[in-house]
Amino acid sequence: MSTTNTTNLGIAIPVPGSGEPFLVSAYNAAISTLDGGVGFTICTSGTRPASPYTGQVIFETDTASSFIWDGSAWQSAAGGVSVGFETNFLLMGA
């Protein structure tokens, strides 16, 4: 079975038609969603994701603010945590 790796986590996923014993498209979609959800999406207030998924977290470099998509709107992720902490947290690569 041939595989390729996801972008963020490097999870091996099977290539369709390579002798896999399960439904590759469903598995790959689930793994891609998991892989894409790791960490913050870095953007600006003008380049937020066009099709966010519920629970997606973004960090806007122009506003130094983070937001969470609740399924219908972006909500502030500050929750009482200072922006300085969020910025330092990102710069440390966590």
Protein backbone atom coordinates (compact mmCIF):
# COMPACT_ATOMS: atom_id res chain seq x y z
CA MET A 1 0.00 0.00 0.00
CA SER A 2 1.36 3.43 -0.98
CA THR A 3 1.09 6.30 1.49
CA THR A 4 1.57 10.05 1.66
CA ASN A 5 2.04 12.19 4.79
CA THR A 6 -0.20 14.94 6.16
CA THR A 7 1.19 18.47 6.31
CA ASN A 8 1.22 19.26 10.03
CA LEU A 9 1.50 15.95 11.88
CA GLY A 10 3.13 13.83 9.19
CA ILE A 11 0.50 11.11 9.57
CA ALA A 12 0.81 8.47 6.85
CA ILE A 13 -2.38 8.17 4.82
CA PRO A 14 -3.01 5.57 2.10
CA VAL A 15 -3.15 6.53 -1.54
CA PRO A 16 -6.50 5.53 -3.11
CA GLY A 17 -6.29 2.38 -5.20
CA SER A 18 -3.11 1.11 -3.55
CA GLY A 19 -4.60 -2.06 -2.04
CA GLU A 20 -6.07 -0.57 1.12
CA PRO A 21 -8.49 -2.73 3.16
CA PHE A 22 -10.81 0.14 4.17
CA LEU A 23 -12.56 3.18 2.73
CA VAL A 24 -9.64 5.47 2.02
CA SER A 25 -11.64 8.59 1.20
CA ALA A 26 -13.38 8.63 4.59
CA TYR A 27 -10.15 7.88 6.45
CA ASN A 28 -8.20 10.52 4.54
CA ALA A 29 -10.90 13.16 5.12
CA ALA A 30 -10.88 12.46 8.88
CA ILE A 31 -7.08 12.53 9.09
CA SER A 32 -6.88 15.73 7.03
CA THR A 33 -9.39 17.42 9.36
CA LEU A 34 -7.37 16.30 12.40
CA ASP A 35 -4.10 17.39 10.81
CA GLY A 36 -5.52 20.75 9.76
CA GLY A 37 -6.81 21.43 13.26
CA VAL A 38 -3.40 21.31 14.89
CA GLY A 39 -2.34 24.69 16.22
CA PHE A 40 -3.48 28.10 15.13
CA THR A 41 -4.20 29.21 11.60
CA ILE A 42 -2.08 32.32 11.14
CA CYS A 43 -3.80 35.08 9.15
CA THR A 44 -4.78 38.74 9.23
CA SER A 45 -8.20 40.22 9.90
CA GLY A 46 -8.61 40.51 6.12
CA THR A 47 -7.48 36.96 5.29
CA ARG A 48 -9.51 34.83 7.69
CA PRO A 49 -10.40 31.35 6.35
CA ALA A 50 -13.27 31.45 3.85
CA SER A 51 -14.73 28.13 5.02
CA PRO A 52 -13.83 27.69 8.70
CA TYR A 53 -14.81 24.57 10.61
CA THR A 54 -16.40 24.61 14.06
CA GLY A 55 -13.67 24.91 16.67
CA GLN A 56 -11.06 26.32 14.27
CA VAL A 57 -8.68 28.71 16.02
CA ILE A 58 -7.01 31.59 14.20
CA PHE A 59 -4.41 34.13 15.22
CA GLU A 60 -4.52 37.51 13.46
CA THR A 61 -1.06 38.99 13.11
CA ASP A 62 -2.37 42.50 12.41
CA THR A 63 -4.52 42.64 15.57
CA ALA A 64 -2.46 40.24 17.76
CA SER A 65 -5.77 38.55 18.62
CA SER A 66 -7.02 34.99 18.44
CA PHE A 67 -10.54 33.84 17.60
CA ILE A 68 -12.52 30.58 17.55
CA TRP A 69 -15.17 29.77 14.94
CA ASP A 70 -18.36 28.69 16.78
CA GLY A 71 -20.09 27.41 13.66
CA SER A 72 -21.62 30.74 12.68
CA ALA A 73 -19.27 33.54 13.79
CA TRP A 74 -15.74 34.23 15.04
CA GLN A 75 -15.61 34.59 18.83
CA SER A 76 -12.74 36.13 20.77
CA ALA A 77 -10.49 33.47 22.26
CA ALA A 78 -9.01 35.84 24.84
CA GLY A 79 -11.07 34.43 27.71
CA GLY A 80 -9.24 36.64 30.18
CA VAL A 81 -5.80 35.68 28.89
CA SER A 82 -3.66 38.63 27.90
CA VAL A 83 -2.66 39.07 24.27
CA GLY A 84 1.00 39.11 25.33
CA PHE A 85 0.67 35.53 26.59
CA GLU A 86 -0.92 34.39 23.32
CA THR A 87 1.81 36.04 21.26
CA ASN A 88 4.58 34.52 23.38
CA PHE A 89 2.86 31.14 23.27
CA LEU A 90 2.88 31.21 19.46
CA LEU A 91 6.46 32.43 19.19
CA MET A 92 7.64 29.57 21.38
CA GLY A 93 6.11 27.16 18.85
CA ALA A 94 3.60 25.61 21.19
